[in-house]
C-alpha atoms as a PDB file:
ATOM      1  CA  MET A   1      63.512 116.046  83.210  1.00  0.00           C
ATOM      2  CA  ILE A   2      63.582 111.956  83.512  1.00  0.00           C
ATOM      3  CA  PRO A   3      61.787 110.214  80.796  1.00  0.00           C
ATOM      4  CA  ALA A   4      58.545 108.641  81.693  1.00  0.00           C
ATOM      5  CA  ASN A   5      59.985 105.170  80.972  1.00  0.00           C
ATOM      6  CA  ARG A   6      62.749 105.468  83.393  1.00  0.00           C
ATOM      7  CA  ALA A   7      62.749 105.529  87.037  1.00  0.00           C
ATOM      8  CA  PRO A   8      64.607 108.141  89.124  1.00  0.00           C
ATOM      9  CA  THR A   9      68.202 107.506  90.281  1.00  0.00           C
ATOM     10  CA  GLN A  10      68.157 106.275  93.530  1.00  0.00           C
ATOM     11  CA  PRO A  11      71.269 106.418  96.154  1.00  0.00           C
ATOM     12  CA  ILE A  12      72.776 102.974  96.309  1.00  0.00           C
ATOM     13  CA  ARG A  13      71.932 101.435  99.986  1.00  0.00           C
ATOM     14  CA  TRP A  14      74.842 100.803 101.891  1.00  0.00           C
ATOM     15  CA  GLN A  15      73.835  97.160 102.520  1.00  0.00           C
ATOM     16  CA  GLN A  16      74.127  96.844  98.694  1.00  0.00           C
ATOM     17  CA  ALA A  17      77.412  98.865  98.408  1.00  0.00           C
ATOM     18  CA  TRP A  18      78.694  96.499 100.873  1.00  0.00           C
ATOM     19  CA  ARG A  19      77.591  93.228  99.417  1.00  0.00           C
ATOM     20  CA  ASP A  20      78.917  94.578  96.002  1.00  0.00           C
ATOM     21  CA  ALA A  21      82.956  94.584  97.413  1.00  0.00           C
ATOM     22  CA  ILE A  22      85.623  93.279  95.539  1.00  0.00           C
ATOM     23  CA  THR A  23      86.609  90.049  97.185  1.00  0.00           C
ATOM     24  CA  ASP A  24      88.877  88.776  94.256  1.00  0.00           C
ATOM     25  CA  PRO A  25      92.254  90.320  94.046  1.00  0.00           C
ATOM     26  CA  HIS A  26      92.692  89.415  90.515  1.00  0.00           C
ATOM     27  CA  GLU A  27      89.443  91.379  89.810  1.00  0.00           C
ATOM     28  CA  LEU A  28      90.861  94.265  91.479  1.00  0.00           C
ATOM     29  CA  LEU A  29      93.901  94.323  89.580  1.00  0.00           C
ATOM     30  CA  ARG A  30      92.043  93.995  86.362  1.00  0.00           C
ATOM     31  CA  LEU A  31      89.395  96.853  87.588  1.00  0.00           C
ATOM     32  CA  LEU A  32      92.811  98.926  87.854  1.00  0.00           C
ATOM     33  CA  ASP A  33      94.285  97.685  84.573  1.00  0.00           C
ATOM     34  CA  LEU A  34      97.316  96.155  86.547  1.00  0.00           C
ATOM     35  CA  SER A  35      96.726  92.464  85.514  1.00  0.00           C
ATOM     36  CA  ARG A  36     100.244  92.177  84.371  1.00  0.00           C
ATOM     37  CA  HIS A  37     101.106  92.581  88.467  1.00  0.00           C
ATOM     38  CA  ALA A  38      99.246  89.159  89.085  1.00  0.00           C
ATOM     39  CA  SER A  39     102.230  87.092  89.458  1.00  0.00           C
ATOM     40  CA  THR A  40     103.064  89.485  92.574  1.00  0.00           C
ATOM     41  CA  LEU A  41     100.334  88.309  94.499  1.00  0.00           C
ATOM     42  CA  PRO A  42     100.506  85.243  97.066  1.00  0.00           C
ATOM     43  CA  THR A  43     100.346  81.689  95.757  1.00  0.00           C
ATOM     44  CA  GLY A  44      99.781  78.434  97.557  1.00  0.00           C
ATOM     45  CA  ALA A  45      98.058  78.970 100.917  1.00  0.00           C
ATOM     46  CA  ASP A  46      96.500  82.233 101.602  1.00  0.00           C
ATOM     47  CA  THR A  47      97.404  84.756 103.850  1.00  0.00           C
ATOM     48  CA  GLY A  48      94.599  83.968 106.263  1.00  0.00           C
ATOM     49  CA  PHE A  49      92.964  87.344 106.025  1.00  0.00           C
ATOM     50  CA  PRO A  50      90.986  87.538 102.894  1.00  0.00           C
ATOM     51  CA  LEU A  51      90.370  90.786 100.657  1.00  0.00           C
ATOM     52  CA  ARG A  52      87.287  92.900 101.115  1.00  0.00           C
ATOM     53  CA  VAL A  53      87.331  96.694  99.510  1.00  0.00           C
ATOM     54  CA  PRO A  54      84.330  98.408  98.433  1.00  0.00           C
ATOM     55  CA  ARG A  55      83.967  99.629  94.686  1.00  0.00           C
ATOM     56  CA  GLY A  56      83.626 103.410  95.849  1.00  0.00           C
ATOM     57  CA  PHE A  57      86.962 103.133  97.538  1.00  0.00           C
ATOM     58  CA  VAL A  58      88.620 101.344  94.572  1.00  0.00           C
ATOM     59  CA  ALA A  59      87.025 104.111  92.427  1.00  0.00           C
ATOM     60  CA  ARG A  60      89.551 107.080  94.188  1.00  0.00           C
ATOM     61  CA  MET A  61      92.645 104.637  93.132  1.00  0.00           C
ATOM     62  CA  ARG A  62      94.842 105.479  90.163  1.00  0.00           C
ATOM     63  CA  ARG A  63      94.777 103.314  87.384  1.00  0.00           C
ATOM     64  CA  GLY A  64      97.801 101.620  86.056  1.00  0.00           C
ATOM     65  CA  ASP A  65      99.714 102.551  89.342  1.00  0.00           C
ATOM     66  CA  PRO A  66     100.612  99.484  91.344  1.00  0.00           C
ATOM     67  CA  ARG A  67     101.901 101.911  94.074  1.00  0.00           C
ATOM     68  CA  ASP A  68      98.986 103.739  94.467  1.00  0.00           C
ATOM     69  CA  PRO A  69      98.471 104.360  98.501  1.00  0.00           C
ATOM     70  CA  LEU A  70      95.022 103.366  98.480  1.00  0.00           C
ATOM     71  CA  LEU A  71      95.723 100.050  96.531  1.00  0.00           C
ATOM     72  CA  LEU A  72      98.631  99.122  99.053  1.00  0.00           C
ATOM     73  CA  GLN A  73      96.482  99.257 101.741  1.00  0.00           C
ATOM     74  CA  VAL A  74      94.372  96.704 100.418  1.00  0.00           C
ATOM     75  CA  LEU A  75      96.096  94.418  98.164  1.00  0.00           C
ATOM     76  CA  PRO A  76      97.277  91.070  99.858  1.00  0.00           C
ATOM     77  CA  GLN A  77     101.008  90.916  99.284  1.00  0.00           C
ATOM     78  CA  ALA A  78     103.696  87.610  99.651  1.00  0.00           C
ATOM     79  CA  ALA A  79     105.036  89.424 102.289  1.00  0.00           C
ATOM     80  CA  GLU A  80     102.549  88.905 104.610  1.00  0.00           C
ATOM     81  CA  ARG A  81     103.570  85.606 105.272  1.00  0.00           C
ATOM     82  CA  ASP A  82     106.829  86.365 106.550  1.00  0.00           C
ATOM     83  CA  GLU A  83     107.607  85.971 109.966  1.00  0.00           C
ATOM     84  CA  VAL A  84     109.450  88.541 111.925  1.00  0.00           C
ATOM     85  CA  PRO A  85     110.695  88.404 114.910  1.00  0.00           C
ATOM     86  CA  GLY A  86     108.908  90.992 117.316  1.00  0.00           C
ATOM     87  CA  PHE A  87     105.460  90.869 115.268  1.00  0.00           C
ATOM     88  CA  THR A  88     102.804  88.618 116.855  1.00  0.00           C
ATOM     89  CA  HIS A  89      99.104  87.735 116.427  1.00  0.00           C
ATOM     90  CA  ASP A  90      98.108  90.236 119.649  1.00  0.00           C
ATOM     91  CA  ALA A  91     100.054  93.237 119.051  1.00  0.00           C
ATOM     92  CA  VAL A  92      98.796  95.506 121.426  1.00  0.00           C
ATOM     93  CA  GLY A  93      97.429  92.811 124.423  1.00  0.00           C
ATOM     94  CA  ASP A  94      93.753  92.843 123.661  1.00  0.00           C
ATOM     95  CA  LEU A  95      92.924  89.438 125.075  1.00  0.00           C
ATOM     96  CA  ALA A  96      94.791  90.229 128.338  1.00  0.00           C
ATOM     97  CA  ALA A  97      92.757  93.067 128.595  1.00  0.00           C
ATOM     98  CA  ARG A  98      89.442  90.947 128.288  1.00  0.00           C
ATOM     99  CA  ALA A  99      87.204  91.754 131.015  1.00  0.00           C
ATOM    100  CA  GLY A 100      83.890  90.098 129.838  1.00  0.00           C
ATOM    101  CA  ASN A 101      82.310  88.736 126.515  1.00  0.00           C
ATOM    102  CA  GLY A 102      83.482  91.240 124.068  1.00  0.00           C
ATOM    103  CA  VAL A 103      84.835  93.636 126.564  1.00  0.00           C
ATOM    104  CA  LEU A 104      87.939  95.371 126.529  1.00  0.00           C
ATOM    105  CA  HIS A 105      89.322  97.336 129.655  1.00  0.00           C
ATOM    106  CA  LYS A 106      92.603  98.769 129.070  1.00  0.00           C
ATOM    107  CA  TYR A 107      92.141 102.215 130.444  1.00  0.00           C
ATOM    108  CA  HIS A 108      90.478 104.185 133.319  1.00  0.00           C
ATOM    109  CA  GLY A 109      87.332 105.632 132.854  1.00  0.00           C
ATOM    110  CA  ARG A 110      86.581 103.897 129.634  1.00  0.00           C
ATOM    111  CA  ALA A 111      85.739 100.389 128.026  1.00  0.00           C
ATOM    112  CA  LEU A 112      85.864  98.976 125.021  1.00  0.00           C
ATOM    113  CA  LEU A 113      82.966  96.892 123.078  1.00  0.00           C
ATOM    114  CA  ILE A 114      84.257  94.511 119.934  1.00  0.00           C
ATOM    115  CA  ALA A 115      80.596  95.319 118.402  1.00  0.00           C
ATOM    116  CA  THR A 116      81.247  92.944 115.505  1.00  0.00           C
ATOM    117  CA  GLY A 117      83.800  91.353 113.948  1.00  0.00           C
ATOM    118  CA  SER A 118      82.609  92.571 110.121  1.00  0.00           C
ATOM    119  CA  CYS A 119      84.263  95.448 108.299  1.00  0.00           C
ATOM    120  CA  ALA A 120      83.603  96.891 105.005  1.00  0.00           C
ATOM    121  CA  VAL A 121      87.306  96.622 104.244  1.00  0.00           C
ATOM    122  CA  HIS A 122      90.188  94.374 105.410  1.00  0.00           C
ATOM    123  CA  CYS A 123      93.364  97.047 105.655  1.00  0.00           C
ATOM    124  CA  ARG A 124      96.277  94.519 105.588  1.00  0.00           C
ATOM    125  CA  TYR A 125      98.012  96.271 108.756  1.00  0.00           C
ATOM    126  CA  CYS A 126      94.879  95.521 110.711  1.00  0.00           C
ATOM    127  CA  PHE A 127      96.003  94.910 114.282  1.00  0.00           C
ATOM    128  CA  ARG A 128      92.905  93.006 114.994  1.00  0.00           C
ATOM    129  CA  ARG A 129      93.533  90.895 111.446  1.00  0.00           C
ATOM    130  CA  HIS A 130      94.000  87.657 113.885  1.00  0.00           C
ATOM    131  CA  PHE A 131      91.336  88.460 116.673  1.00  0.00           C
ATOM    132  CA  PRO A 132      88.979  85.554 117.482  1.00  0.00           C
ATOM    133  CA  TYR A 133      85.773  87.433 116.577  1.00  0.00           C
ATOM    134  CA  ALA A 134      83.686  84.321 116.851  1.00  0.00           C
ATOM    135  CA  GLN A 135      84.320  84.155 120.544  1.00  0.00           C
ATOM    136  CA  GLU A 136      84.822  87.710 121.280  1.00  0.00           C
ATOM    137  CA  THR A 137      81.541  90.069 120.169  1.00  0.00           C
ATOM    138  CA  ALA A 138      79.890  92.264 122.744  1.00  0.00           C
ATOM    139  CA  ALA A 139      76.493  92.039 120.893  1.00  0.00           C
ATOM    140  CA  ALA A 140      76.063  88.508 121.610  1.00  0.00           C
ATOM    141  CA  ASN A 141      73.136  87.452 123.725  1.00  0.00           C
ATOM    142  CA  ARG A 142      71.734  91.107 122.683  1.00  0.00           C
ATOM    143  CA  TRP A 143      74.864  92.728 124.733  1.00  0.00           C
ATOM    144  CA  THR A 144      73.886  90.608 127.886  1.00  0.00           C
ATOM    145  CA  ASP A 145      77.224  90.515 129.576  1.00  0.00           C
ATOM    146  CA  ALA A 146      78.724  93.821 127.991  1.00  0.00           C
ATOM    147  CA  LEU A 147      75.974  95.821 129.568  1.00  0.00           C
ATOM    148  CA  GLU A 148      76.271  93.950 133.112  1.00  0.00           C
ATOM    149  CA  TYR A 149      79.697  94.664 133.270  1.00  0.00           C
ATOM    150  CA  LEU A 150      79.466  98.045 132.371  1.00  0.00           C
ATOM    151  CA  ARG A 151      76.314  98.796 134.930  1.00  0.00           C
ATOM    152  CA  THR A 152      79.180  97.204 137.633  1.00  0.00           C
ATOM    153  CA  ASP A 153      81.693  99.499 137.526  1.00  0.00           C
ATOM    154  CA  PRO A 154      80.629 103.106 138.001  1.00  0.00           C
ATOM    155  CA  SER A 155      83.929 104.234 136.999  1.00  0.00           C
ATOM    156  CA  ILE A 156      83.238 103.830 133.390  1.00  0.00           C
ATOM    157  CA  SER A 157      82.174 107.145 131.863  1.00  0.00           C
ATOM    158  CA  GLU A 158      82.673 106.338 128.312  1.00  0.00           C
ATOM    159  CA  VAL A 159      82.015 103.347 125.735  1.00  0.00           C
ATOM    160  CA  ILE A 160      84.115 102.750 123.167  1.00  0.00           C
ATOM    161  CA  LEU A 161      82.602 100.987 120.256  1.00  0.00           C
ATOM    162  CA  SER A 162      84.997  99.170 118.013  1.00  0.00           C
ATOM    163  CA  GLY A 163      85.550  96.055 115.842  1.00  0.00           C
ATOM    164  CA  GLY A 164      85.299  95.050 112.837  1.00  0.00           C
ATOM    165  CA  ASP A 165      83.457  98.173 112.399  1.00  0.00           C
ATOM    166  CA  PRO A 166      80.605  99.335 114.593  1.00  0.00           C
ATOM    167  CA  LEU A 167      79.074 100.951 111.861  1.00  0.00           C
ATOM    168  CA  ALA A 168      78.795  97.250 110.019  1.00  0.00           C
ATOM    169  CA  LEU A 169      75.862  96.612 112.469  1.00  0.00           C
ATOM    170  CA  SER A 170      72.400  97.485 111.677  1.00  0.00           C
ATOM    171  CA  THR A 171      70.959 100.698 113.080  1.00  0.00           C
ATOM    172  CA  ALA A 172      68.564  98.909 114.739  1.00  0.00           C
ATOM    173  CA  LYS A 173      71.262  96.743 116.459  1.00  0.00           C
ATOM    174  CA  LEU A 174      73.056  99.863 117.541  1.00  0.00           C
ATOM    175  CA  ALA A 175      69.850 101.287 118.990  1.00  0.00           C
ATOM    176  CA  GLU A 176      69.282  98.333 120.744  1.00  0.00           C
ATOM    177  CA  LEU A 177      72.761  98.789 122.726  1.00  0.00           C
ATOM    178  CA  THR A 178      72.491 102.746 123.203  1.00  0.00           C
ATOM    179  CA  ASP A 179      68.947 102.510 124.705  1.00  0.00           C
ATOM    180  CA  ALA A 180      70.551 100.468 127.191  1.00  0.00           C
ATOM    181  CA  LEU A 181      73.549 102.478 127.515  1.00  0.00           C
ATOM    182  CA  ALA A 182      71.117 105.463 128.061  1.00  0.00           C
ATOM    183  CA  ARG A 183      69.795 103.479 131.113  1.00  0.00           C
ATOM    184  CA  ILE A 184      73.134 103.354 133.051  1.00  0.00           C
ATOM    185  CA  ALA A 185      73.743 106.577 134.885  1.00  0.00           C
ATOM    186  CA  HIS A 186      77.207 106.941 134.917  1.00  0.00           C
ATOM    187  CA  ILE A 187      77.871 106.787 131.335  1.00  0.00           C
ATOM    188  CA  ARG A 188      78.143 110.164 129.623  1.00  0.00           C
ATOM    189  CA  ARG A 189      80.183 109.621 126.401  1.00  0.00           C
ATOM    190  CA  LEU A 190      79.934 107.544 123.299  1.00  0.00           C
ATOM    191  CA  ARG A 191      82.929 106.801 121.071  1.00  0.00           C
ATOM    192  CA  ILE A 192      82.746 105.362 117.825  1.00  0.00           C
ATOM    193  CA  HIS A 193      86.005 104.146 116.094  1.00  0.00           C
ATOM    194  CA  THR A 194      84.833 103.728 112.284  1.00  0.00           C
ATOM    195  CA  ARG A 195      86.353 103.361 108.904  1.00  0.00           C
ATOM    196  CA  LEU A 196      82.746 103.088 107.204  1.00  0.00           C
ATOM    197  CA  PRO A 197      81.983 106.679 106.466  1.00  0.00           C
ATOM    198  CA  VAL A 198      85.655 106.896 104.877  1.00  0.00           C
ATOM    199  CA  VAL A 199      85.605 103.581 102.372  1.00  0.00           C
ATOM    200  CA  LEU A 200      81.731 103.313 102.504  1.00  0.00           C
ATOM    201  CA  PRO A 201      80.054 106.592 102.944  1.00  0.00           C
ATOM    202  CA  GLU A 202      76.730 104.907 101.913  1.00  0.00           C
ATOM    203  CA  ARG A 203      76.712 104.272 105.254  1.00  0.00           C
ATOM    204  CA  VAL A 204      75.747 107.464 106.791  1.00  0.00           C
ATOM    205  CA  ASP A 205      72.271 107.284 105.716  1.00  0.00           C
ATOM    206  CA  ALA A 206      69.009 109.309 107.021  1.00  0.00           C
ATOM    207  CA  ASP A 207      68.070 106.411 109.634  1.00  0.00           C
ATOM    208  CA  LEU A 208      72.141 106.324 110.733  1.00  0.00           C
ATOM    209  CA  LEU A 209      72.079 109.882 111.412  1.00  0.00           C
ATOM    210  CA  ALA A 210      68.456 109.856 112.918  1.00  0.00           C
ATOM    211  CA  TRP A 211      69.704 107.486 115.664  1.00  0.00           C
ATOM    212  CA  LEU A 212      73.020 109.687 116.082  1.00  0.00           C
ATOM    213  CA  ARG A 213      70.767 112.731 116.626  1.00  0.00           C
ATOM    214  CA  GLY A 214      68.483 111.433 119.240  1.00  0.00           C
ATOM    215  CA  LEU A 215      70.996 109.614 121.638  1.00  0.00           C
ATOM    216  CA  PRO A 216      71.293 111.453 125.108  1.00  0.00           C
ATOM    217  CA  LEU A 217      75.239 110.720 125.248  1.00  0.00           C
ATOM    218  CA  GLN A 218      77.928 112.817 124.196  1.00  0.00           C
ATOM    219  CA  ARG A 219      78.890 111.579 120.675  1.00  0.00           C
ATOM    220  CA  ILE A 220      82.282 111.493 119.488  1.00  0.00           C
ATOM    221  CA  ILE A 221      83.233 109.708 116.234  1.00  0.00           C
ATOM    222  CA  VAL A 222      86.763 109.038 115.280  1.00  0.00           C
ATOM    223  CA  LEU A 223      87.497 108.212 111.833  1.00  0.00           C
ATOM    224  CA  HIS A 224      90.299 106.481 110.239  1.00  0.00           C
ATOM    225  CA  ALA A 225      92.022 107.810 106.941  1.00  0.00           C
ATOM    226  CA  ASN A 226      95.413 107.512 106.206  1.00  0.00           C
ATOM    227  CA  HIS A 227      95.820 109.139 102.805  1.00  0.00           C
ATOM    228  CA  PRO A 228      94.392 112.508 101.292  1.00  0.00           C
ATOM    229  CA  ALA A 229      92.863 110.592  98.172  1.00  0.00           C
ATOM    230  CA  GLU A 230      90.871 109.029 100.709  1.00  0.00           C
ATOM    231  CA  ILE A 231      88.833 112.127 101.411  1.00  0.00           C
ATOM    232  CA  ASP A 232      86.712 113.061  98.462  1.00  0.00           C
ATOM    233  CA  VAL A 233      83.336 114.548  97.769  1.00  0.00           C
ATOM    234  CA  SER A 234      80.936 111.595  99.272  1.00  0.00           C
ATOM    235  CA  VAL A 235      83.399 111.211 102.319  1.00  0.00           C
ATOM    236  CA  GLN A 236      82.941 115.130 103.181  1.00  0.00           C
ATOM    237  CA  THR A 237      79.077 114.907 102.822  1.00  0.00           C
ATOM    238  CA  ALA A 238      79.097 111.925 105.023  1.00  0.00           C
ATOM    239  CA  CYS A 239      81.396 113.958 107.605  1.00  0.00           C
ATOM    240  CA  ALA A 240      78.728 116.953 107.440  1.00  0.00           C
ATOM    241  CA  GLY A 241      75.995 114.734 108.001  1.00  0.00           C
ATOM    242  CA  LEU A 242      77.649 113.080 111.126  1.00  0.00           C
ATOM    243  CA  ARG A 243      78.517 116.673 112.318  1.00  0.00           C
ATOM    244  CA  ASP A 244      75.521 118.045 111.528  1.00  0.00           C
ATOM    245  CA  ALA A 245      74.056 115.317 114.087  1.00  0.00           C
ATOM    246  CA  GLY A 246      75.799 116.366 116.802  1.00  0.00           C
ATOM    247  CA  ALA A 247      79.163 114.275 116.640  1.00  0.00           C
ATOM    248  CA  THR A 248      82.275 115.370 117.432  1.00  0.00           C
ATOM    249  CA  LEU A 249      84.743 114.505 114.398  1.00  0.00           C
ATOM    250  CA  LEU A 250      88.419 113.410 114.813  1.00  0.00           C
ATOM    251  CA  ASN A 251      91.049 110.934 112.832  1.00  0.00           C
ATOM    252  CA  GLN A 252      93.422 108.832 113.464  1.00  0.00           C
ATOM    253  CA  ALA A 253      95.895 107.323 111.020  1.00  0.00           C
ATOM    254  CA  VAL A 254      98.618 104.843 110.673  1.00  0.00           C
ATOM    255  CA  LEU A 255     101.969 105.829 109.530  1.00  0.00           C
ATOM    256  CA  LEU A 256     102.870 103.200 106.582  1.00  0.00           C
ATOM    257  CA  ARG A 257     105.730 102.616 104.793  1.00  0.00           C
ATOM    258  CA  GLY A 258     104.791 103.424 100.925  1.00  0.00           C
ATOM    259  CA  VAL A 259     101.248 104.858 101.950  1.00  0.00           C
ATOM    260  CA  ASN A 260     101.898 108.396 103.812  1.00  0.00           C
ATOM    261  CA  ASP A 261     105.330 108.239 104.656  1.00  0.00           C
ATOM    262  CA  THR A 262     106.185 111.878 103.444  1.00  0.00           C
ATOM    263  CA  ALA A 263     105.618 115.020 105.089  1.00  0.00           C
ATOM    264  CA  ASP A 264     103.735 116.305 102.058  1.00  0.00           C
ATOM    265  CA  THR A 265     101.224 113.204 102.311  1.00  0.00           C
ATOM    266  CA  LEU A 266     100.761 113.916 106.004  1.00  0.00           C
ATOM    267  CA  CYS A 267     100.583 117.540 105.578  1.00  0.00           C
ATOM    268  CA  GLU A 268      97.901 117.070 103.009  1.00  0.00           C
ATOM    269  CA  LEU A 269      96.006 114.712 104.605  1.00  0.00           C
ATOM    270  CA  SER A 270      95.413 117.126 107.876  1.00  0.00           C
ATOM    271  CA  GLU A 271      94.224 120.203 104.920  1.00  0.00           C
ATOM    272  CA  ARG A 272      91.743 117.701 103.352  1.00  0.00           C
ATOM    273  CA  LEU A 273      90.616 116.689 106.992  1.00  0.00           C
ATOM    274  CA  ALA A 274      90.349 120.519 108.239  1.00  0.00           C
ATOM    275  CA  GLN A 275      88.195 120.994 104.872  1.00  0.00           C
ATOM    276  CA  ALA A 276      86.063 118.565 105.989  1.00  0.00           C
ATOM    277  CA  GLN A 277      86.122 119.812 109.690  1.00  0.00           C
ATOM    278  CA  VAL A 278      87.697 116.788 111.028  1.00  0.00           C
ATOM    279  CA  LEU A 279      90.135 117.108 113.544  1.00  0.00           C
ATOM    280  CA  PRO A 280      93.836 115.140 113.048  1.00  0.00           C
ATOM    281  CA  TYR A 281      94.050 113.157 116.445  1.00  0.00           C
ATOM    282  CA  TYR A 282      96.563 110.549 116.506  1.00  0.00           C
ATOM    283  CA  LEU A 283      99.141 109.597 114.052  1.00  0.00           C
ATOM    284  CA  HIS A 284      99.901 105.730 115.215  1.00  0.00           C
ATOM    285  CA  GLN A 285     103.452 104.062 114.887  1.00  0.00           C
ATOM    286  CA  LEU A 286     102.219 100.619 113.312  1.00  0.00           C
ATOM    287  CA  ASP A 287     100.806  98.180 115.730  1.00  0.00           C
ATOM    288  CA  ARG A 288     103.114  95.141 115.178  1.00  0.00           C
ATOM    289  CA  VAL A 289     100.572  92.604 114.535  1.00  0.00           C
ATOM    290  CA  SER A 290     101.817  89.261 112.018  1.00  0.00           C
ATOM    291  CA  GLY A 291     101.417  89.833 108.611  1.00  0.00           C
ATOM    292  CA  ALA A 292     102.198  94.013 108.730  1.00  0.00           C
ATOM    293  CA  ALA A 293     105.967  93.914 108.871  1.00  0.00           C
ATOM    294  CA  HIS A 294     106.534  95.167 105.497  1.00  0.00           C
ATOM    295  CA  PHE A 295     104.437  98.795 106.703  1.00  0.00           C
ATOM    296  CA  GLU A 296     106.632  99.608 109.398  1.00  0.00           C
ATOM    297  CA  VAL A 297     108.208 103.027 109.233  1.00  0.00           C
ATOM    298  CA  ASP A 298     111.311 103.691 111.051  1.00  0.00           C
ATOM    299  CA  ASP A 299     110.813 105.379 114.584  1.00  0.00           C
ATOM    300  CA  ALA A 300     113.470 108.254 113.695  1.00  0.00           C
ATOM    301  CA  LEU A 301     111.672 109.159 110.187  1.00  0.00           C
ATOM    302  CA  ALA A 302     108.462 109.121 112.055  1.00  0.00           C
ATOM    303  CA  ARG A 303     109.864 111.935 114.348  1.00  0.00           C
ATOM    304  CA  LYS A 304     111.152 113.920 111.648  1.00  0.00           C
ATOM    305  CA  LEU A 305     107.951 113.673 110.139  1.00  0.00           C
ATOM    306  CA  ILE A 306     106.104 115.393 113.013  1.00  0.00           C
ATOM    307  CA  ASP A 307     108.813 118.000 113.539  1.00  0.00           C
ATOM    308  CA  THR A 308     108.258 119.043 109.678  1.00  0.00           C
ATOM    309  CA  LEU A 309     104.393 119.088 110.215  1.00  0.00           C
ATOM    310  CA  ARG A 310     105.052 120.911 113.350  1.00  0.00           C
ATOM    311  CA  ALA A 311     106.920 123.806 111.334  1.00  0.00           C
ATOM    312  CA  ARG A 312     104.227 123.411 108.204  1.00  0.00           C
ATOM    313  CA  LEU A 313     101.005 123.336 109.996  1.00  0.00           C
ATOM    314  CA  PRO A 314      98.955 124.909 112.708  1.00  0.00           C
ATOM    315  CA  GLY A 315      99.372 122.792 115.978  1.00  0.00           C
ATOM    316  CA  TYR A 316      95.725 121.999 115.902  1.00  0.00           C
ATOM    317  CA  LEU A 317      96.467 120.160 112.467  1.00  0.00           C
ATOM    318  CA  VAL A 318      99.338 118.302 113.804  1.00  0.00           C
ATOM    319  CA  PRO A 319      98.057 114.816 115.348  1.00  0.00           C
ATOM    320  CA  LYS A 320      99.804 112.924 118.077  1.00  0.00           C
ATOM    321  CA  LEU A 321     102.482 110.683 117.171  1.00  0.00           C
ATOM    322  CA  VAL A 322     101.823 107.580 119.413  1.00  0.00           C
ATOM    323  CA  ARG A 323     102.455 103.576 119.685  1.00  0.00           C
ATOM    324  CA  GLU A 324     100.298 101.443 122.021  1.00  0.00           C
ATOM    325  CA  ALA A 325     102.120  99.199 124.252  1.00  0.00           C
ATOM    326  CA  THR A 326     100.656  96.221 125.807  1.00  0.00           C
ATOM    327  CA  GLY A 327      99.857  96.469 129.457  1.00  0.00           C
ATOM    328  CA  GLU A 328     100.167 100.823 129.515  1.00  0.00           C
ATOM    329  CA  SER A 329      97.709 103.156 131.270  1.00  0.00           C
ATOM    330  CA  GLY A 330      96.749 104.995 127.723  1.00  0.00           C
ATOM    331  CA  LYS A 331      98.888 105.740 124.327  1.00  0.00           C
ATOM    332  CA  ARG A 332     102.751 106.259 124.724  1.00  0.00           C
ATOM    333  CA  PRO A 333     103.844 109.672 122.983  1.00  0.00           C
ATOM    334  CA  LEU A 334     106.820 108.599 120.569  1.00  0.00           C
ATOM    335  CA  SER A 335     108.614 111.300 122.159  1.00  0.00           C
ATOM    336  CA  GLU A 336     109.033 109.466 124.918  1.00  0.00           C
ATOM    337  CA  GLY A 337     110.587 106.248 123.218  1.00  0.00           C
END
């Protein structure tokens, strides 16, 4: 029984958890008993991509381990300032695919909306870490330009929400968009690419689930988890809520050196996803964005890892190994070179 002089414990609202995110690398290292490694942080001019990581995600990291795979995904490194041939600011040709304000149209039948530039976590390998979000956001002007583009192209049956992270928007803002999408006859599916249910599962609250449940469109949510340690009970609970609200759940991961570049890690990731009833979808080779070269894994090793997964897992738990290439009509299976 709760004492009369003490209020019941209330769930942390996702907005508060967002505001409480760690933005100081020294604080992050201190919380993980790694202050002695502060000398490895970038000095002088920063990397141009600040740290942001929710405290709940930090709680899944191993204290005292500078090579923790979750820590490596978010901690700024001096190597990010290295200029490496072949690594560019626009690694996948987003700007060439611009079809309107915040609209990218690369592939037949589907268009992607840059819903926001905000994200609850700044992953150091992010392929949009240099994207000009200030000029390219579909939510501007109450989605007017983006919606007009979608209306005028009847070949588009699927709208993909990306960012940043689309679930960084308020549920009311998302509803404003989907109310308008529901009035476009040729739009049948809504796909949401999001990392928030993994790094900030508090975002999957009652309001979000009510909105999702009420959508007249087919709902597909593509999560982004790279390592089995990312998937704890809170993430499993968030996934259960999304699934019960009618969403099909998929996962895409990025192959990252030092994070998940072993067969054991990738097998365990697929098993954890299966427990959460999330289907492994893609394993991406790294998009060659400036600042991320130190994460790159050789293609030969990537193929070997997938071969091992095929030998150890049922086929439906083996993600497709792919690379995104500028100007192509779809993701390229790595087996095609």
